[in-house]
Every structure is written in structure tokens, then in C-alpha cells.
Amino acid sequence: MTEFKRIPPKDAQVLREQGAVVVDIRDQATYAATHITGAQHLDNVNIADFIREADLDAPLIVACYHGNSSQSAAAYLVSQGFSDVYSLDGGFELWRATYPAEISSSDSQ
């Protein structure tokens, strides 16, 4: 069975530029306020639809607040058949510090 990989923001940005899907597992209000540009919000309400509709072989980057919860979510997504899953080290907070121009709010999309 494949395992997820941990990835720093710089490597995640390269994957993102190559078309990797970014999912944000923080709560809806926090996601709406600010998130990685292009990231999809993923929670218990929409995860089944996401899994059903996703390309299981496409690179998938999971982001949370600080890079801890994303590891559990990444492991779960691997168990659901995703083959190329990454947990964003440092989470959204390190991403925001590294790439401040690459964040959006739901109002600006």
C-alpha cells in the first residue's frame, strides 16, 4: 500500500504549478477567510463526493493549519485509493509566510 509523503511549501508549489490538486481541511470559516489560491475545501460533508469524482492518480496536496492534521487526512485519502498524496509541512501558516501572494479568500475568487 502506498503511503503519503510530507512536502515543504517550495516543493508543493512546484507540484501545484504542474497541476496537483490542493485540498484544505481547515474549518469552513477559516478556509473562506483565506486559503491557498485554487485550493478546494474538504470536510466531512463533501469528502465522499470529492473521492468519487477525483482522479485517484493525480498528485494531491493536503493542507491544514500547521501540518499535523493534514497527515491523518493524507493517510485516509491513501486508504481510499489515492496514489500520490502529500501532506503540506508547516500547513497553511508556513505556506502563507513563504508565498504571501499565493493566497485568496472566497470573496476574491
Protein backbone atom coordinates (compact mmCIF):
# COMPACT_ATOMS: atom_id res chain seq x y z
CA MET A 1 0.00 0.00 0.00
CA THR A 2 1.22 3.47 -0.88
CA GLU A 3 1.86 5.95 1.89
CA PHE A 4 1.56 9.73 1.79
CA LYS A 5 4.65 11.90 1.66
CA ARG A 6 5.42 15.08 3.61
CA ILE A 7 6.31 18.03 1.41
CA PRO A 8 7.68 21.51 2.14
CA PRO A 9 5.96 24.55 0.58
CA LYS A 10 8.62 25.05 -2.11
CA ASP A 11 8.19 21.51 -3.44
CA ALA A 12 4.41 21.80 -3.10
CA GLN A 13 4.48 24.96 -5.20
CA VAL A 14 6.32 23.09 -7.98
CA LEU A 15 3.73 20.29 -7.89
CA ARG A 16 0.92 22.85 -7.81
CA GLU A 17 2.32 24.53 -10.92
CA GLN A 18 2.32 21.09 -12.58
CA GLY A 19 -1.39 20.66 -11.84
CA ALA A 20 -1.52 18.99 -8.42
CA VAL A 21 -4.84 19.35 -6.61
CA VAL A 22 -4.66 21.20 -3.29
CA VAL A 23 -7.26 20.48 -0.62
CA ASP A 24 -7.65 22.49 2.57
CA ILE A 25 -9.10 20.64 5.57
CA ARG A 26 -9.33 23.61 7.94
CA ASP A 27 -12.81 24.65 9.08
CA GLN A 28 -15.09 26.32 6.52
CA ALA A 29 -14.96 29.84 8.03
CA THR A 30 -11.16 29.84 8.18
CA TYR A 31 -10.93 28.48 4.63
CA ALA A 32 -13.36 31.16 3.40
CA ALA A 33 -11.30 33.90 5.04
CA THR A 34 -8.03 32.87 3.39
CA HIS A 35 -6.58 29.81 1.69
CA ILE A 36 -4.02 28.72 -0.88
CA THR A 37 -5.14 30.06 -4.25
CA GLY A 38 -7.05 27.35 -6.10
CA ALA A 39 -7.38 25.05 -3.08
CA GLN A 40 -10.63 23.17 -2.59
CA HIS A 41 -12.21 22.97 0.85
CA LEU A 42 -12.57 19.39 2.04
CA ASP A 43 -14.55 18.32 5.10
CA ASN A 44 -16.77 15.51 6.35
CA VAL A 45 -19.70 16.89 4.34
CA ASN A 46 -18.08 16.82 0.89
CA ILE A 47 -15.31 14.22 1.17
CA ALA A 48 -17.37 11.34 -0.26
CA ASP A 49 -18.23 13.37 -3.36
CA PHE A 50 -14.62 14.51 -3.68
CA ILE A 51 -13.33 10.93 -3.56
CA ARG A 52 -15.96 9.71 -6.02
CA GLU A 53 -15.17 12.46 -8.55
CA ALA A 54 -11.38 12.72 -8.14
CA ASP A 55 -8.60 11.34 -10.32
CA LEU A 56 -7.05 8.93 -7.82
CA ASP A 57 -3.69 9.05 -9.62
CA ALA A 58 -3.35 12.85 -9.75
CA PRO A 59 -0.98 14.43 -7.22
CA LEU A 60 -2.94 15.62 -4.19
CA ILE A 61 -1.62 18.06 -1.57
CA VAL A 62 -3.43 18.22 1.77
CA ALA A 63 -3.14 21.42 3.83
CA CYS A 64 -4.28 22.19 7.37
CA TYR A 65 -3.26 24.87 9.88
CA HIS A 66 0.27 23.73 10.80
CA GLY A 67 0.86 20.42 9.02
CA ASN A 68 -0.33 17.99 11.69
CA SER A 69 -3.98 17.19 10.88
CA SER A 70 -3.12 17.00 7.19
CA GLN A 71 -1.02 13.90 7.88
CA SER A 72 -4.06 11.99 9.17
CA ALA A 73 -6.19 13.23 6.29
CA ALA A 74 -3.48 12.29 3.78
CA ALA A 75 -3.25 8.78 5.26
CA TYR A 76 -7.04 8.46 5.00
CA LEU A 77 -7.02 9.56 1.35
CA VAL A 78 -4.32 6.98 0.58
CA SER A 79 -6.54 4.35 2.21
CA GLN A 80 -9.34 5.46 -0.14
CA GLY A 81 -7.25 4.73 -3.23
CA PHE A 82 -5.30 7.93 -3.91
CA SER A 83 -1.80 7.02 -5.07
CA ASP A 84 0.16 10.31 -4.95
CA VAL A 85 -0.71 12.15 -1.72
CA TYR A 86 1.31 14.81 0.10
CA SER A 87 0.89 16.47 3.49
CA LEU A 88 1.99 20.11 3.43
CA ASP A 89 4.70 20.55 6.07
CA GLY A 90 4.03 23.65 8.15
CA GLY A 91 0.48 23.79 6.78
CA PHE A 92 -1.24 26.94 5.63
CA GLU A 93 0.69 29.08 8.11
CA LEU A 94 4.09 28.22 6.60
CA TRP A 95 2.63 28.47 3.08
CA ARG A 96 1.34 31.99 3.83
CA ALA A 97 4.76 33.02 5.17
CA THR A 98 6.53 31.52 2.14
CA TYR A 99 4.07 32.54 -0.62
CA PRO A 100 2.02 35.54 0.60
CA ALA A 101 0.96 36.35 -2.98
CA GLU A 102 -0.47 32.82 -3.42
CA ILE A 103 -3.39 33.10 -1.01
CA SER A 104 -7.00 34.06 -1.65
CA SER A 105 -10.29 34.48 0.13
CA SER A 106 -13.58 33.06 -1.08
CA ASP A 107 -14.73 36.61 -1.74
CA SER A 108 -11.89 37.20 -4.21
CA GLN A 109 -12.41 34.06 -6.32
